[in-house]
Amino acid sequence: METKPDHLKETLEGNVVAISCLRTIPSAQTGEAAKEHSTACALMGHCIESGYGLVDSNV
């Protein structure tokens, strides 16, 4: 695997949340709900199948 030069690297910060869970959260509550999303929930079958998103703290 090729390593990118430092000036091309990007750092992302936020909370990883399953897409299936994000769909159930009202947009006004997304940031707070993302902080509370548990690892146990994220590892459930329907969460794994839906994929994941990164919720920025600026939501």
PDB file of N, CA and C in Angstrom:
ATOM      1  N   MET A   1       0.834  -1.173   0.000  1.00  0.00           N
ATOM      2  CA  MET A   1       0.000   0.000   0.000  1.00  0.00           C
ATOM      3  C   MET A   1       0.886   1.245   0.000  1.00  0.00           C
ATOM      4  N   GLU A   2       0.541   2.163  -0.838  1.00  0.00           N
ATOM      5  CA  GLU A   2       1.319   3.389  -0.986  1.00  0.00           C
ATOM      6  C   GLU A   2       0.942   4.406   0.099  1.00  0.00           C
ATOM      7  N   THR A   3       1.933   5.036   0.701  1.00  0.00           N
ATOM      8  CA  THR A   3       1.701   6.046   1.726  1.00  0.00           C
ATOM      9  C   THR A   3       1.634   7.423   1.087  1.00  0.00           C
ATOM     10  N   LYS A   4       0.637   8.214   1.497  1.00  0.00           N
ATOM     11  CA  LYS A   4       0.489   9.559   0.946  1.00  0.00           C
ATOM     12  C   LYS A   4       1.417  10.523   1.673  1.00  0.00           C
ATOM     13  N   PRO A   5       1.914  11.541   0.954  1.00  0.00           N
ATOM     14  CA  PRO A   5       2.709  12.580   1.617  1.00  0.00           C
ATOM     15  C   PRO A   5       1.845  13.321   2.634  1.00  0.00           C
ATOM     16  N   ASP A   6       2.463  13.882   3.659  1.00  0.00           N
ATOM     17  CA  ASP A   6       1.738  14.565   4.731  1.00  0.00           C
ATOM     18  C   ASP A   6       0.791  15.647   4.233  1.00  0.00           C
ATOM     19  N   HIS A   7       1.165  16.379   3.199  1.00  0.00           N
ATOM     20  CA  HIS A   7       0.309  17.469   2.735  1.00  0.00           C
ATOM     21  C   HIS A   7      -0.968  16.961   2.051  1.00  0.00           C
ATOM     22  N   LEU A   8      -1.049  15.659   1.779  1.00  0.00           N
ATOM     23  CA  LEU A   8      -2.246  15.083   1.183  1.00  0.00           C
ATOM     24  C   LEU A   8      -3.085  14.297   2.190  1.00  0.00           C
ATOM     25  N   LYS A   9      -2.603  14.192   3.419  1.00  0.00           N
ATOM     26  CA  LYS A   9      -3.337  13.451   4.445  1.00  0.00           C
ATOM     27  C   LYS A   9      -4.422  14.333   5.047  1.00  0.00           C
ATOM     28  N   GLU A  10      -5.486  13.687   5.494  1.00  0.00           N
ATOM     29  CA  GLU A  10      -6.621  14.403   6.051  1.00  0.00           C
ATOM     30  C   GLU A  10      -7.044  13.727   7.353  1.00  0.00           C
ATOM     31  N   THR A  11      -7.346  14.510   8.360  1.00  0.00           N
ATOM     32  CA  THR A  11      -7.803  13.983   9.643  1.00  0.00           C
ATOM     33  C   THR A  11      -9.269  14.335   9.817  1.00  0.00           C
ATOM     34  N   LEU A  12     -10.066  13.332  10.124  1.00  0.00           N
ATOM     35  CA  LEU A  12     -11.494  13.543  10.350  1.00  0.00           C
ATOM     36  C   LEU A  12     -11.803  13.258  11.814  1.00  0.00           C
ATOM     37  N   GLU A  13     -12.678  14.060  12.385  1.00  0.00           N
ATOM     38  CA  GLU A  13     -13.076  13.865  13.781  1.00  0.00           C
ATOM     39  C   GLU A  13     -14.593  13.835  13.862  1.00  0.00           C
ATOM     40  N   GLY A  14     -15.099  13.022  14.758  1.00  0.00           N
ATOM     41  CA  GLY A  14     -16.538  12.930  14.949  1.00  0.00           C
ATOM     42  C   GLY A  14     -16.898  11.593  15.556  1.00  0.00           C
ATOM     43  N   ASN A  15     -18.159  11.250  15.466  1.00  0.00           N
ATOM     44  CA  ASN A  15     -18.660  10.000  16.000  1.00  0.00           C
ATOM     45  C   ASN A  15     -19.145   9.115  14.860  1.00  0.00           C
ATOM     46  N   VAL A  16     -18.756   7.845  14.903  1.00  0.00           N
ATOM     47  CA  VAL A  16     -19.181   6.885  13.895  1.00  0.00           C
ATOM     48  C   VAL A  16     -20.547   6.340  14.310  1.00  0.00           C
ATOM     49  N   VAL A  17     -21.513   6.432  13.392  1.00  0.00           N
ATOM     50  CA  VAL A  17     -22.874   5.988  13.667  1.00  0.00           C
ATOM     51  C   VAL A  17     -23.372   5.188  12.468  1.00  0.00           C
ATOM     52  N   ALA A  18     -24.109   4.131  12.749  1.00  0.00           N
ATOM     53  CA  ALA A  18     -24.694   3.326  11.677  1.00  0.00           C
ATOM     54  C   ALA A  18     -25.730   4.156  10.919  1.00  0.00           C
ATOM     55  N   ILE A  19     -25.762   4.002   9.606  1.00  0.00           N
ATOM     56  CA  ILE A  19     -26.710   4.734   8.765  1.00  0.00           C
ATOM     57  C   ILE A  19     -28.145   4.402   9.181  1.00  0.00           C
ATOM     58  N   SER A  20     -28.405   3.132   9.507  1.00  0.00           N
ATOM     59  CA  SER A  20     -29.765   2.748   9.919  1.00  0.00           C
ATOM     60  C   SER A  20     -30.190   3.494  11.175  1.00  0.00           C
ATOM     61  N   CYS A  21     -29.281   3.764  12.078  1.00  0.00           N
ATOM     62  CA  CYS A  21     -29.603   4.531  13.286  1.00  0.00           C
ATOM     63  C   CYS A  21     -29.754   6.017  12.971  1.00  0.00           C
ATOM     64  N   LEU A  22     -28.922   6.536  12.090  1.00  0.00           N
ATOM     65  CA  LEU A  22     -29.024   7.952  11.721  1.00  0.00           C
ATOM     66  C   LEU A  22     -30.382   8.276  11.121  1.00  0.00           C
ATOM     67  N   ARG A  23     -30.949   7.326  10.394  1.00  0.00           N
ATOM     68  CA  ARG A  23     -32.255   7.554   9.757  1.00  0.00           C
ATOM     69  C   ARG A  23     -33.370   7.724  10.774  1.00  0.00           C
ATOM     70  N   THR A  24     -33.184   7.249  11.993  1.00  0.00           N
ATOM     71  CA  THR A  24     -34.242   7.316  13.005  1.00  0.00           C
ATOM     72  C   THR A  24     -34.125   8.549  13.907  1.00  0.00           C
ATOM     73  N   ILE A  25     -33.057   9.315  13.751  1.00  0.00           N
ATOM     74  CA  ILE A  25     -32.794  10.454  14.628  1.00  0.00           C
ATOM     75  C   ILE A  25     -33.230  11.752  13.948  1.00  0.00           C
ATOM     76  N   PRO A  26     -34.060  12.556  14.609  1.00  0.00           N
ATOM     77  CA  PRO A  26     -34.406  13.863  14.045  1.00  0.00           C
ATOM     78  C   PRO A  26     -33.133  14.701  13.854  1.00  0.00           C
ATOM     79  N   SER A  27     -33.057  15.440  12.776  1.00  0.00           N
ATOM     80  CA  SER A  27     -31.831  16.165  12.445  1.00  0.00           C
ATOM     81  C   SER A  27     -31.373  17.104  13.550  1.00  0.00           C
ATOM     82  N   ALA A  28     -32.292  17.674  14.303  1.00  0.00           N
ATOM     83  CA  ALA A  28     -31.919  18.592  15.376  1.00  0.00           C
ATOM     84  C   ALA A  28     -31.212  17.872  16.528  1.00  0.00           C
ATOM     85  N   GLN A  29     -31.351  16.552  16.584  1.00  0.00           N
ATOM     86  CA  GLN A  29     -30.762  15.777  17.683  1.00  0.00           C
ATOM     87  C   GLN A  29     -29.588  14.917  17.236  1.00  0.00           C
ATOM     88  N   THR A  30     -29.177  15.038  15.994  1.00  0.00           N
ATOM     89  CA  THR A  30     -28.146  14.162  15.439  1.00  0.00           C
ATOM     90  C   THR A  30     -26.836  14.213  16.215  1.00  0.00           C
ATOM     91  N   GLY A  31     -26.344  15.392  16.519  1.00  0.00           N
ATOM     92  CA  GLY A  31     -25.063  15.529  17.208  1.00  0.00           C
ATOM     93  C   GLY A  31     -25.048  14.854  18.559  1.00  0.00           C
ATOM     94  N   GLU A  32     -26.073  15.105  19.358  1.00  0.00           N
ATOM     95  CA  GLU A  32     -26.150  14.532  20.700  1.00  0.00           C
ATOM     96  C   GLU A  32     -26.363  13.019  20.649  1.00  0.00           C
ATOM     97  N   ALA A  33     -27.221  12.566  19.757  1.00  0.00           N
ATOM     98  CA  ALA A  33     -27.489  11.126  19.632  1.00  0.00           C
ATOM     99  C   ALA A  33     -26.246  10.380  19.150  1.00  0.00           C
ATOM    100  N   ALA A  34     -25.463  11.008  18.293  1.00  0.00           N
ATOM    101  CA  ALA A  34     -24.244  10.366  17.782  1.00  0.00           C
ATOM    102  C   ALA A  34     -23.246  10.110  18.906  1.00  0.00           C
ATOM    103  N   LYS A  35     -23.172  11.025  19.849  1.00  0.00           N
ATOM    104  CA  LYS A  35     -22.257  10.854  20.982  1.00  0.00           C
ATOM    105  C   LYS A  35     -22.657   9.667  21.841  1.00  0.00           C
ATOM    106  N   GLU A  36     -23.944   9.348  21.868  1.00  0.00           N
ATOM    107  CA  GLU A  36     -24.462   8.281  22.713  1.00  0.00           C
ATOM    108  C   GLU A  36     -24.577   6.938  21.991  1.00  0.00           C
ATOM    109  N   HIS A  37     -24.293   6.901  20.696  1.00  0.00           N
ATOM    110  CA  HIS A  37     -24.423   5.656  19.928  1.00  0.00           C
ATOM    111  C   HIS A  37     -23.419   4.642  20.448  1.00  0.00           C
ATOM    112  N   SER A  38     -23.913   3.494  20.862  1.00  0.00           N
ATOM    113  CA  SER A  38     -23.048   2.503  21.507  1.00  0.00           C
ATOM    114  C   SER A  38     -22.366   1.568  20.513  1.00  0.00           C
ATOM    115  N   THR A  39     -21.253   1.020  20.936  1.00  0.00           N
ATOM    116  CA  THR A  39     -20.542   0.024  20.135  1.00  0.00           C
ATOM    117  C   THR A  39     -21.413  -1.214  19.956  1.00  0.00           C
ATOM    118  N   ALA A  40     -22.123  -1.606  21.002  1.00  0.00           N
ATOM    119  CA  ALA A  40     -22.996  -2.778  20.924  1.00  0.00           C
ATOM    120  C   ALA A  40     -24.040  -2.598  19.815  1.00  0.00           C
ATOM    121  N   CYS A  41     -24.617  -1.417  19.724  1.00  0.00           N
ATOM    122  CA  CYS A  41     -25.597  -1.151  18.674  1.00  0.00           C
ATOM    123  C   CYS A  41     -24.925  -1.194  17.301  1.00  0.00           C
ATOM    124  N   ALA A  42     -23.775  -0.571  17.195  1.00  0.00           N
ATOM    125  CA  ALA A  42     -23.065  -0.507  15.911  1.00  0.00           C
ATOM    126  C   ALA A  42     -22.664  -1.878  15.386  1.00  0.00           C
ATOM    127  N   LEU A  43     -22.569  -2.861  16.273  1.00  0.00           N
ATOM    128  CA  LEU A  43     -22.168  -4.204  15.859  1.00  0.00           C
ATOM    129  C   LEU A  43     -23.352  -5.134  15.602  1.00  0.00           C
ATOM    130  N   MET A  44     -24.579  -4.622  15.708  1.00  0.00           N
ATOM    131  CA  MET A  44     -25.756  -5.425  15.386  1.00  0.00           C
ATOM    132  C   MET A  44     -25.826  -5.629  13.880  1.00  0.00           C
ATOM    133  N   GLY A  45     -26.418  -6.717  13.472  1.00  0.00           N
ATOM    134  CA  GLY A  45     -26.475  -7.085  12.057  1.00  0.00           C
ATOM    135  C   GLY A  45     -27.017  -5.997  11.148  1.00  0.00           C
ATOM    136  N   HIS A  46     -28.145  -5.395  11.510  1.00  0.00           N
ATOM    137  CA  HIS A  46     -28.736  -4.374  10.635  1.00  0.00           C
ATOM    138  C   HIS A  46     -27.862  -3.123  10.557  1.00  0.00           C
ATOM    139  N   CYS A  47     -27.118  -2.831  11.613  1.00  0.00           N
ATOM    140  CA  CYS A  47     -26.204  -1.681  11.579  1.00  0.00           C
ATOM    141  C   CYS A  47     -25.021  -1.963  10.656  1.00  0.00           C
ATOM    142  N   ILE A  48     -24.470  -3.145  10.768  1.00  0.00           N
ATOM    143  CA  ILE A  48     -23.342  -3.523   9.911  1.00  0.00           C
ATOM    144  C   ILE A  48     -23.757  -3.483   8.443  1.00  0.00           C
ATOM    145  N   GLU A  49     -24.939  -4.019   8.143  1.00  0.00           N
ATOM    146  CA  GLU A  49     -25.412  -4.058   6.754  1.00  0.00           C
ATOM    147  C   GLU A  49     -25.686  -2.672   6.185  1.00  0.00           C
ATOM    148  N   SER A  50     -26.092  -1.727   7.033  1.00  0.00           N
ATOM    149  CA  SER A  50     -26.435  -0.385   6.534  1.00  0.00           C
ATOM    150  C   SER A  50     -25.194   0.454   6.243  1.00  0.00           C
ATOM    151  N   GLY A  51     -24.088   0.129   6.896  1.00  0.00           N
ATOM    152  CA  GLY A  51     -22.883   0.932   6.743  1.00  0.00           C
ATOM    153  C   GLY A  51     -22.837   2.001   7.821  1.00  0.00           C
ATOM    154  N   TYR A  52     -21.817   2.833   7.764  1.00  0.00           N
ATOM    155  CA  TYR A  52     -21.592   3.807   8.835  1.00  0.00           C
ATOM    156  C   TYR A  52     -21.342   5.191   8.256  1.00  0.00           C
ATOM    157  N   GLY A  53     -21.630   6.186   9.073  1.00  0.00           N
ATOM    158  CA  GLY A  53     -21.361   7.567   8.717  1.00  0.00           C
ATOM    159  C   GLY A  53     -20.598   8.231   9.854  1.00  0.00           C
ATOM    160  N   LEU A  54     -19.953   9.313   9.545  1.00  0.00           N
ATOM    161  CA  LEU A  54     -19.209  10.078  10.545  1.00  0.00           C
ATOM    162  C   LEU A  54     -19.982  11.367  10.810  1.00  0.00           C
ATOM    163  N   VAL A  55     -20.394  11.549  12.067  1.00  0.00           N
ATOM    164  CA  VAL A  55     -21.147  12.756  12.430  1.00  0.00           C
ATOM    165  C   VAL A  55     -20.173  13.730  13.066  1.00  0.00           C
ATOM    166  N   ASP A  56     -20.025  14.853  12.425  1.00  0.00           N
ATOM    167  CA  ASP A  56     -19.138  15.928  12.859  1.00  0.00           C
ATOM    168  C   ASP A  56     -19.696  16.585  14.114  1.00  0.00           C
ATOM    169  N   SER A  57     -18.852  17.076  14.966  1.00  0.00           N
ATOM    170  CA  SER A  57     -19.295  17.728  16.198  1.00  0.00           C
ATOM    171  C   SER A  57     -19.969  19.083  15.928  1.00  0.00           C
ATOM    172  N   ASN A  58     -19.898  19.581  14.715  1.00  0.00           N
ATOM    173  CA  ASN A  58     -20.496  20.876  14.360  1.00  0.00           C
ATOM    174  C   ASN A  58     -21.925  20.761  13.854  1.00  0.00           C
ATOM    175  N   VAL A  59     -22.555  19.603  14.085  1.00  0.00           N
ATOM    176  CA  VAL A  59     -23.912  19.390  13.581  1.00  0.00           C
ATOM    177  C   VAL A  59     -24.900  20.173  14.381  1.00  0.00           C
TER     178      VAL A  59
END
